[in-house]
Amino acid sequence: MSLTSAATLATLDRTGPRRITDLAAVEGVTQPAMTALVRVMEESGLVERRGDASDKRVTLVCLTEAGASYVRTRRQAGVHAFERLIGELTGDEVEALVAALSALKHLAELESQDREGPKQ
């Protein structure tokens, strides 16, 4: 799976259903490229398109259970990789990481807000 596909699935998991134009902007690709990506992920059963109850002209891209499962599995694999690597650090290095967690969390929040763009 491409990084853009994985990132798009993660965005849908974090933010819920989105318009293709919103996803394209968040992921930094063109709308036609996102349309093609969504089509491939839809054929793979990872996403589906649904109508927007608030505006019948709009179609939203939604994560399927298979897509949500993929995101959870990928995140868990990342957690296990970090656990293994952290286990190889010295005590001082682990303490330094713990001391930096607050700043790292704030950076992640800022990045997430930046990627999601303005809320509708």
PDB file of N, CA and C in Angstrom:
ATOM      1  N   MET A   1       0.847  -1.175   0.000  1.00  0.00           N
ATOM      2  CA  MET A   1       0.000   0.000   0.000  1.00  0.00           C
ATOM      3  C   MET A   1       0.896   1.243   0.000  1.00  0.00           C
ATOM      4  N   SER A   2       0.491   2.237  -0.773  1.00  0.00           N
ATOM      5  CA  SER A   2       1.279   3.464  -0.855  1.00  0.00           C
ATOM      6  C   SER A   2       1.159   4.269   0.434  1.00  0.00           C
ATOM      7  N   LEU A   3       2.127   5.142   0.657  1.00  0.00           N
ATOM      8  CA  LEU A   3       2.080   6.013   1.831  1.00  0.00           C
ATOM      9  C   LEU A   3       0.851   6.916   1.789  1.00  0.00           C
ATOM     10  N   THR A   4       0.487   7.396   0.598  1.00  0.00           N
ATOM     11  CA  THR A   4      -0.690   8.259   0.483  1.00  0.00           C
ATOM     12  C   THR A   4      -1.958   7.486   0.821  1.00  0.00           C
ATOM     13  N   SER A   5      -2.048   6.243   0.396  1.00  0.00           N
ATOM     14  CA  SER A   5      -3.210   5.416   0.741  1.00  0.00           C
ATOM     15  C   SER A   5      -3.298   5.218   2.249  1.00  0.00           C
ATOM     16  N   ALA A   6      -2.180   4.846   2.856  1.00  0.00           N
ATOM     17  CA  ALA A   6      -2.159   4.623   4.305  1.00  0.00           C
ATOM     18  C   ALA A   6      -2.486   5.914   5.055  1.00  0.00           C
ATOM     19  N   ALA A   7      -1.931   7.035   4.596  1.00  0.00           N
ATOM     20  CA  ALA A   7      -2.202   8.321   5.241  1.00  0.00           C
ATOM     21  C   ALA A   7      -3.666   8.708   5.095  1.00  0.00           C
ATOM     22  N   THR A   8      -4.248   8.430   3.940  1.00  0.00           N
ATOM     23  CA  THR A   8      -5.662   8.743   3.710  1.00  0.00           C
ATOM     24  C   THR A   8      -6.544   7.921   4.631  1.00  0.00           C
ATOM     25  N   LEU A   9      -6.238   6.640   4.777  1.00  0.00           N
ATOM     26  CA  LEU A   9      -7.002   5.792   5.693  1.00  0.00           C
ATOM     27  C   LEU A   9      -6.876   6.305   7.130  1.00  0.00           C
ATOM     28  N   ALA A  10      -5.677   6.701   7.518  1.00  0.00           N
ATOM     29  CA  ALA A  10      -5.464   7.225   8.870  1.00  0.00           C
ATOM     30  C   ALA A  10      -6.237   8.525   9.071  1.00  0.00           C
ATOM     31  N   THR A  11      -6.277   9.378   8.059  1.00  0.00           N
ATOM     32  CA  THR A  11      -7.047  10.618   8.147  1.00  0.00           C
ATOM     33  C   THR A  11      -8.521  10.320   8.340  1.00  0.00           C
ATOM     34  N   LEU A  12      -9.053   9.390   7.565  1.00  0.00           N
ATOM     35  CA  LEU A  12     -10.466   9.019   7.705  1.00  0.00           C
ATOM     36  C   LEU A  12     -10.743   8.423   9.081  1.00  0.00           C
ATOM     37  N   ASP A  13      -9.793   7.664   9.596  1.00  0.00           N
ATOM     38  CA  ASP A  13      -9.960   7.083  10.932  1.00  0.00           C
ATOM     39  C   ASP A  13      -9.988   8.166  12.002  1.00  0.00           C
ATOM     40  N   ARG A  14      -9.125   9.161  11.865  1.00  0.00           N
ATOM     41  CA  ARG A  14      -9.041  10.257  12.836  1.00  0.00           C
ATOM     42  C   ARG A  14     -10.205  11.229  12.741  1.00  0.00           C
ATOM     43  N   THR A  15     -10.610  11.555  11.516  1.00  0.00           N
ATOM     44  CA  THR A  15     -11.552  12.659  11.318  1.00  0.00           C
ATOM     45  C   THR A  15     -12.948  12.249  10.902  1.00  0.00           C
ATOM     46  N   GLY A  16     -13.123  10.996  10.498  1.00  0.00           N
ATOM     47  CA  GLY A  16     -14.424  10.564  10.012  1.00  0.00           C
ATOM     48  C   GLY A  16     -14.567  10.829   8.522  1.00  0.00           C
ATOM     49  N   PRO A  17     -15.766  10.600   7.992  1.00  0.00           N
ATOM     50  CA  PRO A  17     -16.006  10.743   6.551  1.00  0.00           C
ATOM     51  C   PRO A  17     -15.614  12.130   6.040  1.00  0.00           C
ATOM     52  N   ARG A  18     -15.051  12.144   4.823  1.00  0.00           N
ATOM     53  CA  ARG A  18     -14.604  13.404   4.216  1.00  0.00           C
ATOM     54  C   ARG A  18     -14.944  13.412   2.730  1.00  0.00           C
ATOM     55  N   ARG A  19     -15.050  14.604   2.174  1.00  0.00           N
ATOM     56  CA  ARG A  19     -15.181  14.767   0.729  1.00  0.00           C
ATOM     57  C   ARG A  19     -13.845  14.467   0.071  1.00  0.00           C
ATOM     58  N   ILE A  20     -13.897  14.028  -1.162  1.00  0.00           N
ATOM     59  CA  ILE A  20     -12.667  13.753  -1.903  1.00  0.00           C
ATOM     60  C   ILE A  20     -11.817  15.014  -2.003  1.00  0.00           C
ATOM     61  N   THR A  21     -12.438  16.154  -2.243  1.00  0.00           N
ATOM     62  CA  THR A  21     -11.661  17.401  -2.345  1.00  0.00           C
ATOM     63  C   THR A  21     -10.951  17.712  -1.036  1.00  0.00           C
ATOM     64  N   ASP A  22     -11.601  17.453   0.105  1.00  0.00           N
ATOM     65  CA  ASP A  22     -10.966  17.664   1.409  1.00  0.00           C
ATOM     66  C   ASP A  22      -9.782  16.717   1.594  1.00  0.00           C
ATOM     67  N   LEU A  23      -9.993  15.448   1.248  1.00  0.00           N
ATOM     68  CA  LEU A  23      -8.913  14.468   1.380  1.00  0.00           C
ATOM     69  C   LEU A  23      -7.717  14.844   0.511  1.00  0.00           C
ATOM     70  N   ALA A  24      -7.991  15.303  -0.709  1.00  0.00           N
ATOM     71  CA  ALA A  24      -6.909  15.698  -1.609  1.00  0.00           C
ATOM     72  C   ALA A  24      -6.104  16.835  -0.999  1.00  0.00           C
ATOM     73  N   ALA A  25      -6.783  17.806  -0.434  1.00  0.00           N
ATOM     74  CA  ALA A  25      -6.085  18.940   0.173  1.00  0.00           C
ATOM     75  C   ALA A  25      -5.266  18.499   1.378  1.00  0.00           C
ATOM     76  N   VAL A  26      -5.852  17.677   2.236  1.00  0.00           N
ATOM     77  CA  VAL A  26      -5.162  17.219   3.440  1.00  0.00           C
ATOM     78  C   VAL A  26      -3.924  16.401   3.082  1.00  0.00           C
ATOM     79  N   GLU A  27      -4.040  15.551   2.080  1.00  0.00           N
ATOM     80  CA  GLU A  27      -2.938  14.660   1.722  1.00  0.00           C
ATOM     81  C   GLU A  27      -1.974  15.287   0.718  1.00  0.00           C
ATOM     82  N   GLY A  28      -2.296  16.493   0.229  1.00  0.00           N
ATOM     83  CA  GLY A  28      -1.385  17.190  -0.671  1.00  0.00           C
ATOM     84  C   GLY A  28      -1.293  16.601  -2.062  1.00  0.00           C
ATOM     85  N   VAL A  29      -2.420  16.088  -2.565  1.00  0.00           N
ATOM     86  CA  VAL A  29      -2.465  15.550  -3.926  1.00  0.00           C
ATOM     87  C   VAL A  29      -3.595  16.251  -4.685  1.00  0.00           C
ATOM     88  N   THR A  30      -3.631  16.041  -5.980  1.00  0.00           N
ATOM     89  CA  THR A  30      -4.694  16.645  -6.784  1.00  0.00           C
ATOM     90  C   THR A  30      -6.007  15.902  -6.566  1.00  0.00           C
ATOM     91  N   GLN A  31      -7.093  16.571  -6.879  1.00  0.00           N
ATOM     92  CA  GLN A  31      -8.410  15.932  -6.752  1.00  0.00           C
ATOM     93  C   GLN A  31      -8.524  14.716  -7.678  1.00  0.00           C
ATOM     94  N   PRO A  32      -8.065  14.789  -8.940  1.00  0.00           N
ATOM     95  CA  PRO A  32      -8.133  13.586  -9.780  1.00  0.00           C
ATOM     96  C   PRO A  32      -7.305  12.415  -9.219  1.00  0.00           C
ATOM     97  N   ALA A  33      -6.146  12.736  -8.651  1.00  0.00           N
ATOM     98  CA  ALA A  33      -5.322  11.668  -8.057  1.00  0.00           C
ATOM     99  C   ALA A  33      -6.032  11.049  -6.864  1.00  0.00           C
ATOM    100  N   MET A  34      -6.681  11.868  -6.032  1.00  0.00           N
ATOM    101  CA  MET A  34      -7.408  11.329  -4.876  1.00  0.00           C
ATOM    102  C   MET A  34      -8.607  10.512  -5.338  1.00  0.00           C
ATOM    103  N   THR A  35      -9.282  10.962  -6.389  1.00  0.00           N
ATOM    104  CA  THR A  35     -10.420  10.203  -6.917  1.00  0.00           C
ATOM    105  C   THR A  35      -9.963   8.809  -7.350  1.00  0.00           C
ATOM    106  N   ALA A  36      -8.836   8.739  -8.039  1.00  0.00           N
ATOM    107  CA  ALA A  36      -8.305   7.442  -8.475  1.00  0.00           C
ATOM    108  C   ALA A  36      -7.896   6.593  -7.280  1.00  0.00           C
ATOM    109  N   LEU A  37      -7.272   7.208  -6.280  1.00  0.00           N
ATOM    110  CA  LEU A  37      -6.856   6.489  -5.078  1.00  0.00           C
ATOM    111  C   LEU A  37      -8.067   5.936  -4.331  1.00  0.00           C
ATOM    112  N   VAL A  38      -9.097   6.756  -4.191  1.00  0.00           N
ATOM    113  CA  VAL A  38     -10.313   6.310  -3.503  1.00  0.00           C
ATOM    114  C   VAL A  38     -10.948   5.153  -4.273  1.00  0.00           C
ATOM    115  N   ARG A  39     -10.946   5.219  -5.591  1.00  0.00           N
ATOM    116  CA  ARG A  39     -11.516   4.138  -6.391  1.00  0.00           C
ATOM    117  C   ARG A  39     -10.787   2.817  -6.115  1.00  0.00           C
ATOM    118  N   VAL A  40      -9.460   2.871  -6.068  1.00  0.00           N
ATOM    119  CA  VAL A  40      -8.670   1.666  -5.798  1.00  0.00           C
ATOM    120  C   VAL A  40      -8.961   1.144  -4.385  1.00  0.00           C
ATOM    121  N   MET A  41      -8.994   2.055  -3.400  1.00  0.00           N
ATOM    122  CA  MET A  41      -9.266   1.622  -2.020  1.00  0.00           C
ATOM    123  C   MET A  41     -10.698   1.109  -1.879  1.00  0.00           C
ATOM    124  N   GLU A  42     -11.622   1.670  -2.651  1.00  0.00           N
ATOM    125  CA  GLU A  42     -13.004   1.205  -2.639  1.00  0.00           C
ATOM    126  C   GLU A  42     -13.087  -0.217  -3.211  1.00  0.00           C
ATOM    127  N   GLU A  43     -12.369  -0.462  -4.297  1.00  0.00           N
ATOM    128  CA  GLU A  43     -12.336  -1.803  -4.899  1.00  0.00           C
ATOM    129  C   GLU A  43     -11.695  -2.826  -3.962  1.00  0.00           C
ATOM    130  N   SER A  44     -10.799  -2.346  -3.106  1.00  0.00           N
ATOM    131  CA  SER A  44     -10.140  -3.219  -2.131  1.00  0.00           C
ATOM    132  C   SER A  44     -10.979  -3.412  -0.871  1.00  0.00           C
ATOM    133  N   GLY A  45     -12.096  -2.701  -0.775  1.00  0.00           N
ATOM    134  CA  GLY A  45     -12.970  -2.843   0.380  1.00  0.00           C
ATOM    135  C   GLY A  45     -12.547  -2.046   1.602  1.00  0.00           C
ATOM    136  N   LEU A  46     -11.617  -1.105   1.432  1.00  0.00           N
ATOM    137  CA  LEU A  46     -11.118  -0.333   2.567  1.00  0.00           C
ATOM    138  C   LEU A  46     -11.945   0.918   2.841  1.00  0.00           C
ATOM    139  N   VAL A  47     -12.574   1.464   1.810  1.00  0.00           N
ATOM    140  CA  VAL A  47     -13.432   2.638   1.955  1.00  0.00           C
ATOM    141  C   VAL A  47     -14.707   2.417   1.152  1.00  0.00           C
ATOM    142  N   GLU A  48     -15.698   3.260   1.446  1.00  0.00           N
ATOM    143  CA  GLU A  48     -16.919   3.269   0.644  1.00  0.00           C
ATOM    144  C   GLU A  48     -17.386   4.707   0.519  1.00  0.00           C
ATOM    145  N   ARG A  49     -18.182   4.944  -0.489  1.00  0.00           N
ATOM    146  CA  ARG A  49     -18.748   6.277  -0.681  1.00  0.00           C
ATOM    147  C   ARG A  49     -20.188   6.261  -0.192  1.00  0.00           C
ATOM    148  N   ARG A  50     -20.544   7.333   0.515  1.00  0.00           N
ATOM    149  CA  ARG A  50     -21.907   7.481   1.023  1.00  0.00           C
ATOM    150  C   ARG A  50     -22.376   8.906   0.763  1.00  0.00           C
ATOM    151  N   GLY A  51     -23.677   9.053   0.657  1.00  0.00           N
ATOM    152  CA  GLY A  51     -24.239  10.390   0.529  1.00  0.00           C
ATOM    153  C   GLY A  51     -24.158  11.133   1.851  1.00  0.00           C
ATOM    154  N   ASP A  52     -24.105  12.451   1.767  1.00  0.00           N
ATOM    155  CA  ASP A  52     -24.089  13.315   2.944  1.00  0.00           C
ATOM    156  C   ASP A  52     -25.532  13.659   3.292  1.00  0.00           C
ATOM    157  N   ALA A  53     -25.960  13.321   4.494  1.00  0.00           N
ATOM    158  CA  ALA A  53     -27.346  13.573   4.909  1.00  0.00           C
ATOM    159  C   ALA A  53     -27.678  15.061   4.908  1.00  0.00           C
ATOM    160  N   SER A  54     -26.664  15.908   5.132  1.00  0.00           N
ATOM    161  CA  SER A  54     -26.925  17.353   5.195  1.00  0.00           C
ATOM    162  C   SER A  54     -26.932  18.013   3.822  1.00  0.00           C
ATOM    163  N   ASP A  55     -26.378  17.337   2.816  1.00  0.00           N
ATOM    164  CA  ASP A  55     -26.353  17.895   1.466  1.00  0.00           C
ATOM    165  C   ASP A  55     -26.351  16.732   0.479  1.00  0.00           C
ATOM    166  N   LYS A  56     -27.499  16.484  -0.125  1.00  0.00           N
ATOM    167  CA  LYS A  56     -27.662  15.319  -1.007  1.00  0.00           C
ATOM    168  C   LYS A  56     -26.753  15.359  -2.239  1.00  0.00           C
ATOM    169  N   ARG A  57     -26.169  16.512  -2.550  1.00  0.00           N
ATOM    170  CA  ARG A  57     -25.281  16.617  -3.712  1.00  0.00           C
ATOM    171  C   ARG A  57     -23.878  16.109  -3.404  1.00  0.00           C
ATOM    172  N   VAL A  58     -23.570  15.948  -2.127  1.00  0.00           N
ATOM    173  CA  VAL A  58     -22.208  15.620  -1.688  1.00  0.00           C
ATOM    174  C   VAL A  58     -22.061  14.123  -1.444  1.00  0.00           C
ATOM    175  N   THR A  59     -20.916  13.605  -1.849  1.00  0.00           N
ATOM    176  CA  THR A  59     -20.548  12.222  -1.544  1.00  0.00           C
ATOM    177  C   THR A  59     -19.360  12.249  -0.594  1.00  0.00           C
ATOM    178  N   LEU A  60     -19.456  11.451   0.450  1.00  0.00           N
ATOM    179  CA  LEU A  60     -18.389  11.358   1.443  1.00  0.00           C
ATOM    180  C   LEU A  60     -17.677  10.018   1.312  1.00  0.00           C
ATOM    181  N   VAL A  61     -16.391  10.026   1.566  1.00  0.00           N
ATOM    182  CA  VAL A  61     -15.594   8.801   1.605  1.00  0.00           C
ATOM    183  C   VAL A  61     -15.538   8.357   3.059  1.00  0.00           C
ATOM    184  N   CYS A  62     -15.915   7.104   3.310  1.00  0.00           N
ATOM    185  CA  CYS A  62     -15.983   6.562   4.675  1.00  0.00           C
ATOM    186  C   CYS A  62     -15.098   5.327   4.771  1.00  0.00           C
ATOM    187  N   LEU A  63     -14.523   5.149   5.920  1.00  0.00           N
ATOM    188  CA  LEU A  63     -13.731   3.961   6.212  1.00  0.00           C
ATOM    189  C   LEU A  63     -14.673   2.776   6.427  1.00  0.00           C
ATOM    190  N   THR A  64     -14.354   1.641   5.837  1.00  0.00           N
ATOM    191  CA  THR A  64     -15.103   0.417   6.115  1.00  0.00           C
ATOM    192  C   THR A  64     -14.485  -0.270   7.335  1.00  0.00           C
ATOM    193  N   GLU A  65     -15.096  -1.328   7.799  1.00  0.00           N
ATOM    194  CA  GLU A  65     -14.511  -2.070   8.915  1.00  0.00           C
ATOM    195  C   GLU A  65     -13.150  -2.640   8.526  1.00  0.00           C
ATOM    196  N   ALA A  66     -13.025  -3.085   7.269  1.00  0.00           N
ATOM    197  CA  ALA A  66     -11.733  -3.601   6.801  1.00  0.00           C
ATOM    198  C   ALA A  66     -10.682  -2.491   6.801  1.00  0.00           C
ATOM    199  N   GLY A  67     -11.069  -1.281   6.412  1.00  0.00           N
ATOM    200  CA  GLY A  67     -10.150  -0.150   6.430  1.00  0.00           C
ATOM    201  C   GLY A  67      -9.740   0.218   7.845  1.00  0.00           C
ATOM    202  N   ALA A  68     -10.715   0.229   8.754  1.00  0.00           N
ATOM    203  CA  ALA A  68     -10.421   0.536  10.160  1.00  0.00           C
ATOM    204  C   ALA A  68      -9.500  -0.531  10.755  1.00  0.00           C
ATOM    205  N   SER A  69      -9.742  -1.778  10.398  1.00  0.00           N
ATOM    206  CA  SER A  69      -8.902  -2.871  10.880  1.00  0.00           C
ATOM    207  C   SER A  69      -7.468  -2.717  10.360  1.00  0.00           C
ATOM    208  N   TYR A  70      -7.320  -2.325   9.106  1.00  0.00           N
ATOM    209  CA  TYR A  70      -5.993  -2.101   8.544  1.00  0.00           C
ATOM    210  C   TYR A  70      -5.255  -1.019   9.331  1.00  0.00           C
ATOM    211  N   VAL A  71      -5.949   0.097   9.605  1.00  0.00           N
ATOM    212  CA  VAL A  71      -5.326   1.201  10.340  1.00  0.00           C
ATOM    213  C   VAL A  71      -4.908   0.731  11.735  1.00  0.00           C
ATOM    214  N   ARG A  72      -5.787   0.002  12.424  1.00  0.00           N
ATOM    215  CA  ARG A  72      -5.446  -0.495  13.771  1.00  0.00           C
ATOM    216  C   ARG A  72      -4.239  -1.424  13.716  1.00  0.00           C
ATOM    217  N   THR A  73      -4.214  -2.323  12.755  1.00  0.00           N
ATOM    218  CA  THR A  73      -3.108  -3.272  12.624  1.00  0.00           C
ATOM    219  C   THR A  73      -1.802  -2.542  12.341  1.00  0.00           C
ATOM    220  N   ARG A  74      -1.848  -1.557  11.477  1.00  0.00           N
ATOM    221  CA  ARG A  74      -0.647  -0.784  11.134  1.00  0.00           C
ATOM    222  C   ARG A  74      -0.142  -0.004  12.343  1.00  0.00           C
ATOM    223  N   ARG A  75      -1.066   0.600  13.092  1.00  0.00           N
ATOM    224  CA  ARG A  75      -0.657   1.344  14.295  1.00  0.00           C
ATOM    225  C   ARG A  75      -0.057   0.400  15.328  1.00  0.00           C
ATOM    226  N   GLN A  76      -0.668  -0.758  15.507  1.00  0.00           N
ATOM    227  CA  GLN A  76      -0.157  -1.720  16.485  1.00  0.00           C
ATOM    228  C   GLN A  76       1.232  -2.204  16.097  1.00  0.00           C
ATOM    229  N   ALA A  77       1.460  -2.396  14.796  1.00  0.00           N
ATOM    230  CA  ALA A  77       2.796  -2.803  14.338  1.00  0.00           C
ATOM    231  C   ALA A  77       3.820  -1.714  14.665  1.00  0.00           C
ATOM    232  N   GLY A  78       3.413  -0.459  14.506  1.00  0.00           N
ATOM    233  CA  GLY A  78       4.303   0.653  14.857  1.00  0.00           C
ATOM    234  C   GLY A  78       4.610   0.682  16.342  1.00  0.00           C
ATOM    235  N   VAL A  79       3.595   0.420  17.158  1.00  0.00           N
ATOM    236  CA  VAL A  79       3.780   0.380  18.610  1.00  0.00           C
ATOM    237  C   VAL A  79       4.781  -0.716  18.980  1.00  0.00           C
ATOM    238  N   HIS A  80       4.601  -1.886  18.392  1.00  0.00           N
ATOM    239  CA  HIS A  80       5.507  -3.001  18.700  1.00  0.00           C
ATOM    240  C   HIS A  80       6.941  -2.683  18.262  1.00  0.00           C
ATOM    241  N   ALA A  81       7.088  -2.032  17.116  1.00  0.00           N
ATOM    242  CA  ALA A  81       8.431  -1.677  16.644  1.00  0.00           C
ATOM    243  C   ALA A  81       9.093  -0.701  17.616  1.00  0.00           C
ATOM    244  N   PHE A  82       8.331   0.309  18.073  1.00  0.00           N
ATOM    245  CA  PHE A  82       8.898   1.263  19.035  1.00  0.00           C
ATOM    246  C   PHE A  82       9.210   0.582  20.365  1.00  0.00           C
ATOM    247  N   GLU A  83       8.342  -0.317  20.824  1.00  0.00           N
ATOM    248  CA  GLU A  83       8.611  -1.030  22.075  1.00  0.00           C
ATOM    249  C   GLU A  83       9.933  -1.774  21.989  1.00  0.00           C
ATOM    250  N   ARG A  84      10.136  -2.457  20.872  1.00  0.00           N
ATOM    251  CA  ARG A  84      11.366  -3.228  20.694  1.00  0.00           C
ATOM    252  C   ARG A  84      12.580  -2.307  20.683  1.00  0.00           C
ATOM    253  N   LEU A  85      12.471  -1.203  19.949  1.00  0.00           N
ATOM    254  CA  LEU A  85      13.598  -0.282  19.846  1.00  0.00           C
ATOM    255  C   LEU A  85      13.878   0.433  21.164  1.00  0.00           C
ATOM    256  N   ILE A  86      12.841   0.843  21.860  1.00  0.00           N
ATOM    257  CA  ILE A  86      13.025   1.511  23.154  1.00  0.00           C
ATOM    258  C   ILE A  86      13.684   0.559  24.147  1.00  0.00           C
ATOM    259  N   GLY A  87      13.367  -0.718  24.026  1.00  0.00           N
ATOM    260  CA  GLY A  87      13.992  -1.712  24.888  1.00  0.00           C
ATOM    261  C   GLY A  87      15.498  -1.795  24.714  1.00  0.00           C
ATOM    262  N   GLU A  88      16.020  -1.284  23.614  1.00  0.00           N
ATOM    263  CA  GLU A  88      17.458  -1.307  23.351  1.00  0.00           C
ATOM    264  C   GLU A  88      18.161  -0.030  23.820  1.00  0.00           C
ATOM    265  N   LEU A  89      17.407   0.947  24.323  1.00  0.00           N
ATOM    266  CA  LEU A  89      18.006   2.199  24.786  1.00  0.00           C
ATOM    267  C   LEU A  89      18.542   2.065  26.213  1.00  0.00           C
ATOM    268  N   THR A  90      19.434   2.976  26.556  1.00  0.00           N
ATOM    269  CA  THR A  90      19.927   3.032  27.936  1.00  0.00           C
ATOM    270  C   THR A  90      18.867   3.680  28.814  1.00  0.00           C
ATOM    271  N   GLY A  91      19.001   3.555  30.106  1.00  0.00           N
ATOM    272  CA  GLY A  91      18.074   4.183  31.046  1.00  0.00           C
ATOM    273  C   GLY A  91      18.019   5.694  30.877  1.00  0.00           C
ATOM    274  N   ASP A  92      19.165   6.315  30.677  1.00  0.00           N
ATOM    275  CA  ASP A  92      19.212   7.767  30.465  1.00  0.00           C
ATOM    276  C   ASP A  92      18.472   8.170  29.195  1.00  0.00           C
ATOM    277  N   GLU A  93      18.623   7.369  28.146  1.00  0.00           N
ATOM    278  CA  GLU A  93      17.940   7.669  26.883  1.00  0.00           C
ATOM    279  C   GLU A  93      16.419   7.537  27.035  1.00  0.00           C
ATOM    280  N   VAL A  94      15.983   6.523  27.773  1.00  0.00           N
ATOM    281  CA  VAL A  94      14.548   6.356  28.029  1.00  0.00           C
ATOM    282  C   VAL A  94      14.018   7.546  28.824  1.00  0.00           C
ATOM    283  N   GLU A  95      14.757   7.979  29.839  1.00  0.00           N
ATOM    284  CA  GLU A  95      14.354   9.145  30.622  1.00  0.00           C
ATOM    285  C   GLU A  95      14.247  10.392  29.749  1.00  0.00           C
ATOM    286  N   ALA A  96      15.179  10.555  28.829  1.00  0.00           N
ATOM    287  CA  ALA A  96      15.137  11.707  27.917  1.00  0.00           C
ATOM    288  C   ALA A  96      13.896  11.658  27.030  1.00  0.00           C
ATOM    289  N   LEU A  97      13.551  10.460  26.560  1.00  0.00           N
ATOM    290  CA  LEU A  97      12.327  10.310  25.760  1.00  0.00           C
ATOM    291  C   LEU A  97      11.084  10.649  26.573  1.00  0.00           C
ATOM    292  N   VAL A  98      11.017  10.150  27.781  1.00  0.00           N
ATOM    293  CA  VAL A  98       9.869  10.430  28.651  1.00  0.00           C
ATOM    294  C   VAL A  98       9.749  11.935  28.886  1.00  0.00           C
ATOM    295  N   ALA A  99      10.882  12.601  29.113  1.00  0.00           N
ATOM    296  CA  ALA A  99      10.867  14.047  29.342  1.00  0.00           C
ATOM    297  C   ALA A  99      10.385  14.806  28.108  1.00  0.00           C
ATOM    298  N   ALA A 100      10.597  14.245  26.919  1.00  0.00           N
ATOM    299  CA  ALA A 100      10.216  14.915  25.672  1.00  0.00           C
ATOM    300  C   ALA A 100       8.789  14.603  25.227  1.00  0.00           C
ATOM    301  N   LEU A 101       8.105  13.677  25.894  1.00  0.00           N
ATOM    302  CA  LEU A 101       6.789  13.244  25.427  1.00  0.00           C
ATOM    303  C   LEU A 101       5.776  14.372  25.306  1.00  0.00           C
ATOM    304  N   SER A 102       5.758  15.282  26.258  1.00  0.00           N
ATOM    305  CA  SER A 102       4.805  16.379  26.207  1.00  0.00           C
ATOM    306  C   SER A 102       5.012  17.232  24.957  1.00  0.00           C
ATOM    307  N   ALA A 103       6.244  17.555  24.656  1.00  0.00           N
ATOM    308  CA  ALA A 103       6.542  18.360  23.472  1.00  0.00           C
ATOM    309  C   ALA A 103       6.227  17.586  22.189  1.00  0.00           C
ATOM    310  N   LEU A 104       6.537  16.297  22.169  1.00  0.00           N
ATOM    311  CA  LEU A 104       6.237  15.483  20.990  1.00  0.00           C
ATOM    312  C   LEU A 104       4.731  15.379  20.756  1.00  0.00           C
ATOM    313  N   LYS A 105       3.968  15.234  21.835  1.00  0.00           N
ATOM    314  CA  LYS A 105       2.510  15.179  21.715  1.00  0.00           C
ATOM    315  C   LYS A 105       1.985  16.487  21.132  1.00  0.00           C
ATOM    316  N   HIS A 106       2.507  17.600  21.611  1.00  0.00           N
ATOM    317  CA  HIS A 106       2.079  18.896  21.103  1.00  0.00           C
ATOM    318  C   HIS A 106       2.421  19.037  19.622  1.00  0.00           C
ATOM    319  N   LEU A 107       3.610  18.597  19.215  1.00  0.00           N
ATOM    320  CA  LEU A 107       3.979  18.624  17.800  1.00  0.00           C
ATOM    321  C   LEU A 107       3.016  17.800  16.954  1.00  0.00           C
ATOM    322  N   ALA A 108       2.653  16.622  17.432  1.00  0.00           N
ATOM    323  CA  ALA A 108       1.717  15.771  16.693  1.00  0.00           C
ATOM    324  C   ALA A 108       0.357  16.450  16.555  1.00  0.00           C
ATOM    325  N   GLU A 109      -0.100  17.113  17.612  1.00  0.00           N
ATOM    326  CA  GLU A 109      -1.375  17.826  17.552  1.00  0.00           C
ATOM    327  C   GLU A 109      -1.313  18.960  16.536  1.00  0.00           C
ATOM    328  N   LEU A 110      -0.218  19.708  16.538  1.00  0.00           N
ATOM    329  CA  LEU A 110      -0.058  20.800  15.581  1.00  0.00           C
ATOM    330  C   LEU A 110      -0.024  20.282  14.148  1.00  0.00           C
ATOM    331  N   GLU A 111       0.686  19.189  13.940  1.00  0.00           N
ATOM    332  CA  GLU A 111       0.774  18.600  12.600  1.00  0.00           C
ATOM    333  C   GLU A 111      -0.590  18.118  12.148  1.00  0.00           C
ATOM    334  N   SER A 112      -1.324  17.490  13.027  1.00  0.00           N
ATOM    335  CA  SER A 112      -2.655  16.990  12.696  1.00  0.00           C
ATOM    336  C   SER A 112      -3.585  18.133  12.317  1.00  0.00           C
ATOM    337  N   GLN A 113      -3.551  19.211  13.072  1.00  0.00           N
ATOM    338  CA  GLN A 113      -4.387  20.378  12.759  1.00  0.00           C
ATOM    339  C   GLN A 113      -3.995  20.960  11.402  1.00  0.00           C
ATOM    340  N   ASP A 114      -2.705  20.997  11.128  1.00  0.00           N
ATOM    341  CA  ASP A 114      -2.215  21.532   9.866  1.00  0.00           C
ATOM    342  C   ASP A 114      -2.673  20.676   8.700  1.00  0.00           C
ATOM    343  N   ARG A 115      -2.603  19.353   8.849  1.00  0.00           N
ATOM    344  CA  ARG A 115      -2.989  18.425   7.778  1.00  0.00           C
ATOM    345  C   ARG A 115      -4.488  18.432   7.539  1.00  0.00           C
ATOM    346  N   GLU A 116      -5.266  18.594   8.597  1.00  0.00           N
ATOM    347  CA  GLU A 116      -6.720  18.546   8.445  1.00  0.00           C
ATOM    348  C   GLU A 116      -7.279  19.815   7.840  1.00  0.00           C
ATOM    349  N   GLY A 117      -6.570  20.909   7.967  1.00  0.00           N
ATOM    350  CA  GLY A 117      -7.043  22.163   7.387  1.00  0.00           C
ATOM    351  C   GLY A 117      -8.262  22.675   8.126  1.00  0.00           C
ATOM    352  N   PRO A 118      -8.917  23.685   7.551  1.00  0.00           N
ATOM    353  CA  PRO A 118     -10.082  24.277   8.218  1.00  0.00           C
ATOM    354  C   PRO A 118     -11.245  23.293   8.313  1.00  0.00           C
ATOM    355  N   LYS A 119     -11.923  23.312   9.433  1.00  0.00           N
ATOM    356  CA  LYS A 119     -13.099  22.458   9.643  1.00  0.00           C
ATOM    357  C   LYS A 119     -14.284  23.050   8.905  1.00  0.00           C
ATOM    358  N   GLN A 120     -15.167  22.165   8.436  1.00  0.00           N
ATOM    359  CA  GLN A 120     -16.382  22.640   7.774  1.00  0.00           C
ATOM    360  C   GLN A 120     -17.537  22.604   8.712  1.00  0.00           C
TER     361      GLN A 120
END
